[in-house]
Every structure is written in C-alpha cells, then in structure tokens.
Amino acid sequence: MKTFGAVIIGGLLLLAVFGVAFSNFSGFGHAQACGRGWGASGGGNYVPQRRGPSGLVPNGAPALSQEQAQELVANHVRKLNPDLKIGRLQDAGSYYEAEVLGANGDVVQRLGVDKESGQMILIN
C-alpha cells in the first residue's frame, strides 16, 4: 500500500511538472496577454487604425484626408501624454507625416499615418 501511494504522489508530481513546463514553454501566457486567446492577432488595439463598423477598413473606402489624419494623431498623442502637441502634418506620398512637439516646441517624434488604413508608424 505504501508503494501504491508513492506511485500516485510521484505521478501527480510528474504531471504538475509537465503542466508547468508546457504552459511556460508553449507561450500560453503570452497568447492570453492580449485578452483574446490563441489564434487571434495580438495588440490590435495598441496601434490606432481607422475602422469601419465591422472592425475592418471597408473595401473601397476613401483615403484619409489631412484633417482626419491630424485628428487621429492628436487623439492618440493626447491619450499618451497631454503635454505633447502636434506640429506640421505633411503629405509624404502613401502616408502623412506628423511632428509631435514637446513642451518647449522641439520635435520629439515623427509619426506616419497610412492614408488607406489609418495605421500609425514611428518615423525616425
């Protein structure tokens, strides 16, 4: 009977070790970090994008205007740091380039806004 109990306890310990190893090495915690689970693209809400009612950019949607891009950048920067301001917004071909200004008026970052999707990228 003592041997049977030792086998059961040993088996449970072995299962616990394999379970911890699987969850750490398989990336299970990373997939749950975005709150969506396996198979979903993570971080979809991290980068601001223009979206339609379905959650995607509608097919045939017109390109962003310069005013829409300015508003998108201004809202994003205001959420991150209300002390920052938006400087010049220039047309750079397939995207708009916006300057983010610090409190003293110096350019601290340049952001690109894709005209089709509204997705922002860092430009340096």
C-alpha atoms as a PDB file:
ATOM      1  CA  MET A   1       0.000   0.000   0.000  1.00  0.00           C
ATOM      2  CA  LYS A   2       2.917   2.322   0.737  1.00  0.00           C
ATOM      3  CA  THR A   3       4.290   1.735  -2.744  1.00  0.00           C
ATOM      4  CA  PHE A   4       0.925   2.458  -4.353  1.00  0.00           C
ATOM      5  CA  GLY A   5       0.681   5.803  -2.519  1.00  0.00           C
ATOM      6  CA  ALA A   6       4.228   6.702  -3.562  1.00  0.00           C
ATOM      7  CA  VAL A   7       3.411   5.920  -7.203  1.00  0.00           C
ATOM      8  CA  ILE A   8       0.275   8.081  -7.087  1.00  0.00           C
ATOM      9  CA  ILE A   9       2.099  11.007  -5.486  1.00  0.00           C
ATOM     10  CA  GLY A  10       5.019  10.620  -7.912  1.00  0.00           C
ATOM     11  CA  GLY A  11       2.629  10.565 -10.865  1.00  0.00           C
ATOM     12  CA  LEU A  12       0.834  13.691  -9.692  1.00  0.00           C
ATOM     13  CA  LEU A  13       4.149  15.485  -9.185  1.00  0.00           C
ATOM     14  CA  LEU A  14       5.284  14.459 -12.662  1.00  0.00           C
ATOM     15  CA  LEU A  15       2.035  15.757 -14.185  1.00  0.00           C
ATOM     16  CA  ALA A  16       2.411  19.044 -12.320  1.00  0.00           C
ATOM     17  CA  VAL A  17       5.998  19.476 -13.581  1.00  0.00           C
ATOM     18  CA  PHE A  18       4.983  18.747 -17.183  1.00  0.00           C
ATOM     19  CA  GLY A  19       1.989  21.089 -16.904  1.00  0.00           C
ATOM     20  CA  VAL A  20       4.124  23.972 -15.676  1.00  0.00           C
ATOM     21  CA  ALA A  21       6.765  23.296 -18.327  1.00  0.00           C
ATOM     22  CA  PHE A  22       4.136  23.176 -21.075  1.00  0.00           C
ATOM     23  CA  SER A  23       2.486  26.410 -20.022  1.00  0.00           C
ATOM     24  CA  ASN A  24       5.831  28.241 -19.745  1.00  0.00           C
ATOM     25  CA  PHE A  25       7.463  26.983 -22.927  1.00  0.00           C
ATOM     26  CA  SER A  26       4.444  26.905 -25.203  1.00  0.00           C
ATOM     27  CA  GLY A  27       3.724  30.621 -24.883  1.00  0.00           C
ATOM     28  CA  PHE A  28       0.317  30.098 -23.322  1.00  0.00           C
ATOM     29  CA  GLY A  29       0.719  33.143 -21.073  1.00  0.00           C
ATOM     30  CA  HIS A  30       1.765  35.333 -23.999  1.00  0.00           C
ATOM     31  CA  ALA A  31      -1.297  34.414 -26.021  1.00  0.00           C
ATOM     32  CA  GLN A  32      -3.538  35.373 -23.134  1.00  0.00           C
ATOM     33  CA  ALA A  33      -1.697  38.658 -22.560  1.00  0.00           C
ATOM     34  CA  CYS A  34      -3.797  40.418 -25.174  1.00  0.00           C
ATOM     35  CA  GLY A  35      -7.026  39.022 -23.757  1.00  0.00           C
ATOM     36  CA  ARG A  36      -8.042  37.312 -26.967  1.00  0.00           C
ATOM     37  CA  GLY A  37      -6.560  33.822 -26.650  1.00  0.00           C
ATOM     38  CA  TRP A  38      -4.989  31.501 -29.190  1.00  0.00           C
ATOM     39  CA  GLY A  39      -5.146  32.265 -32.894  1.00  0.00           C
ATOM     40  CA  ALA A  40      -6.041  35.920 -32.550  1.00  0.00           C
ATOM     41  CA  SER A  41      -3.665  38.625 -33.647  1.00  0.00           C
ATOM     42  CA  GLY A  42      -2.407  40.329 -30.521  1.00  0.00           C
ATOM     43  CA  GLY A  43      -2.209  44.041 -29.918  1.00  0.00           C
ATOM     44  CA  GLY A  44      -4.905  45.081 -32.380  1.00  0.00           C
ATOM     45  CA  ASN A  45      -5.938  47.946 -30.142  1.00  0.00           C
ATOM     46  CA  TYR A  46      -2.397  49.121 -29.481  1.00  0.00           C
ATOM     47  CA  VAL A  47      -1.888  50.955 -32.775  1.00  0.00           C
ATOM     48  CA  PRO A  48      -4.721  53.299 -33.679  1.00  0.00           C
ATOM     49  CA  GLN A  49      -6.319  52.458 -37.003  1.00  0.00           C
ATOM     50  CA  ARG A  50      -9.269  53.649 -38.965  1.00  0.00           C
ATOM     51  CA  ARG A  51     -12.012  51.026 -38.782  1.00  0.00           C
ATOM     52  CA  GLY A  52     -15.495  50.536 -40.068  1.00  0.00           C
ATOM     53  CA  PRO A  53     -18.493  49.057 -38.219  1.00  0.00           C
ATOM     54  CA  SER A  54     -17.231  45.515 -38.921  1.00  0.00           C
ATOM     55  CA  GLY A  55     -13.885  46.285 -37.301  1.00  0.00           C
ATOM     56  CA  LEU A  56     -12.015  46.415 -40.609  1.00  0.00           C
ATOM     57  CA  VAL A  57     -11.347  49.162 -43.119  1.00  0.00           C
ATOM     58  CA  PRO A  58     -14.241  48.921 -45.605  1.00  0.00           C
ATOM     59  CA  ASN A  59     -13.355  47.972 -49.198  1.00  0.00           C
ATOM     60  CA  GLY A  60     -13.307  50.995 -51.454  1.00  0.00           C
ATOM     61  CA  ALA A  61     -13.162  53.390 -48.517  1.00  0.00           C
ATOM     62  CA  PRO A  62     -11.737  56.777 -49.491  1.00  0.00           C
ATOM     63  CA  ALA A  63      -8.262  57.652 -48.301  1.00  0.00           C
ATOM     64  CA  LEU A  64      -7.906  59.656 -45.113  1.00  0.00           C
ATOM     65  CA  SER A  65      -7.975  63.403 -45.540  1.00  0.00           C
ATOM     66  CA  GLN A  66      -5.272  65.518 -43.955  1.00  0.00           C
ATOM     67  CA  GLU A  67      -7.750  66.763 -41.343  1.00  0.00           C
ATOM     68  CA  GLN A  68      -8.783  63.206 -40.420  1.00  0.00           C
ATOM     69  CA  ALA A  69      -5.136  62.194 -40.057  1.00  0.00           C
ATOM     70  CA  GLN A  70      -4.450  65.239 -37.870  1.00  0.00           C
ATOM     71  CA  GLU A  71      -7.390  64.337 -35.622  1.00  0.00           C
ATOM     72  CA  LEU A  72      -6.258  60.690 -35.403  1.00  0.00           C
ATOM     73  CA  VAL A  73      -2.719  61.688 -34.374  1.00  0.00           C
ATOM     74  CA  ALA A  74      -3.944  64.362 -31.958  1.00  0.00           C
ATOM     75  CA  ASN A  75      -6.263  61.919 -30.169  1.00  0.00           C
ATOM     76  CA  HIS A  76      -3.513  59.291 -29.918  1.00  0.00           C
ATOM     77  CA  VAL A  77      -0.903  61.736 -28.588  1.00  0.00           C
ATOM     78  CA  ARG A  78      -3.371  63.284 -26.138  1.00  0.00           C
ATOM     79  CA  LYS A  79      -4.042  59.844 -24.638  1.00  0.00           C
ATOM     80  CA  LEU A  80      -0.321  59.117 -24.265  1.00  0.00           C
ATOM     81  CA  ASN A  81       0.818  62.485 -22.923  1.00  0.00           C
ATOM     82  CA  PRO A  82      -1.414  65.571 -22.736  1.00  0.00           C
ATOM     83  CA  ASP A  83       1.665  67.840 -22.582  1.00  0.00           C
ATOM     84  CA  LEU A  84       2.667  66.966 -26.171  1.00  0.00           C
ATOM     85  CA  LYS A  85       1.299  68.887 -29.164  1.00  0.00           C
ATOM     86  CA  ILE A  86       1.034  68.188 -32.881  1.00  0.00           C
ATOM     87  CA  GLY A  87       3.209  70.224 -35.244  1.00  0.00           C
ATOM     88  CA  ARG A  88       3.207  70.186 -39.039  1.00  0.00           C
ATOM     89  CA  LEU A  89       1.384  67.448 -40.922  1.00  0.00           C
ATOM     90  CA  GLN A  90       2.846  66.868 -44.393  1.00  0.00           C
ATOM     91  CA  ASP A  91       1.806  64.683 -47.297  1.00  0.00           C
ATOM     92  CA  ALA A  92       4.554  62.090 -47.805  1.00  0.00           C
ATOM     93  CA  GLY A  93       3.113  60.003 -50.628  1.00  0.00           C
ATOM     94  CA  SER A  94       1.214  56.986 -49.312  1.00  0.00           C
ATOM     95  CA  TYR A  95       1.150  58.382 -45.775  1.00  0.00           C
ATOM     96  CA  TYR A  96       1.026  61.640 -43.842  1.00  0.00           C
ATOM     97  CA  GLU A  97       3.977  62.614 -41.665  1.00  0.00           C
ATOM     98  CA  ALA A  98       3.118  64.348 -38.389  1.00  0.00           C
ATOM     99  CA  GLU A  99       5.513  66.035 -35.988  1.00  0.00           C
ATOM    100  CA  VAL A 100       4.966  65.551 -32.258  1.00  0.00           C
ATOM    101  CA  LEU A 101       6.225  68.563 -30.304  1.00  0.00           C
ATOM    102  CA  GLY A 102       7.409  68.674 -26.704  1.00  0.00           C
ATOM    103  CA  ALA A 103       6.571  71.368 -24.170  1.00  0.00           C
ATOM    104  CA  ASN A 104       9.431  73.573 -25.438  1.00  0.00           C
ATOM    105  CA  GLY A 105       8.355  73.252 -29.097  1.00  0.00           C
ATOM    106  CA  ASP A 106      11.090  70.819 -30.171  1.00  0.00           C
ATOM    107  CA  VAL A 107      10.198  67.831 -32.335  1.00  0.00           C
ATOM    108  CA  VAL A 108      10.320  64.767 -30.077  1.00  0.00           C
ATOM    109  CA  GLN A 109       8.871  62.216 -32.525  1.00  0.00           C
ATOM    110  CA  ARG A 110       7.608  61.859 -36.070  1.00  0.00           C
ATOM    111  CA  LEU A 111       4.568  59.697 -36.768  1.00  0.00           C
ATOM    112  CA  GLY A 112       3.403  58.377 -40.101  1.00  0.00           C
ATOM    113  CA  VAL A 113      -0.299  57.814 -40.771  1.00  0.00           C
ATOM    114  CA  ASP A 114      -1.140  55.449 -43.610  1.00  0.00           C
ATOM    115  CA  LYS A 115      -3.696  57.067 -45.908  1.00  0.00           C
ATOM    116  CA  GLU A 116      -5.570  53.823 -46.644  1.00  0.00           C
ATOM    117  CA  SER A 117      -5.730  52.102 -43.252  1.00  0.00           C
ATOM    118  CA  GLY A 118      -5.079  54.958 -40.829  1.00  0.00           C
ATOM    119  CA  GLN A 119      -2.431  52.863 -39.083  1.00  0.00           C
ATOM    120  CA  MET A 120       0.324  54.837 -37.368  1.00  0.00           C
ATOM    121  CA  ILE A 121       4.034  54.098 -37.626  1.00  0.00           C
ATOM    122  CA  LEU A 122       7.035  55.662 -35.925  1.00  0.00           C
ATOM    123  CA  ILE A 123       9.364  57.569 -38.237  1.00  0.00           C
ATOM    124  CA  ASN A 124      12.900  58.426 -37.182  1.00  0.00           C
END
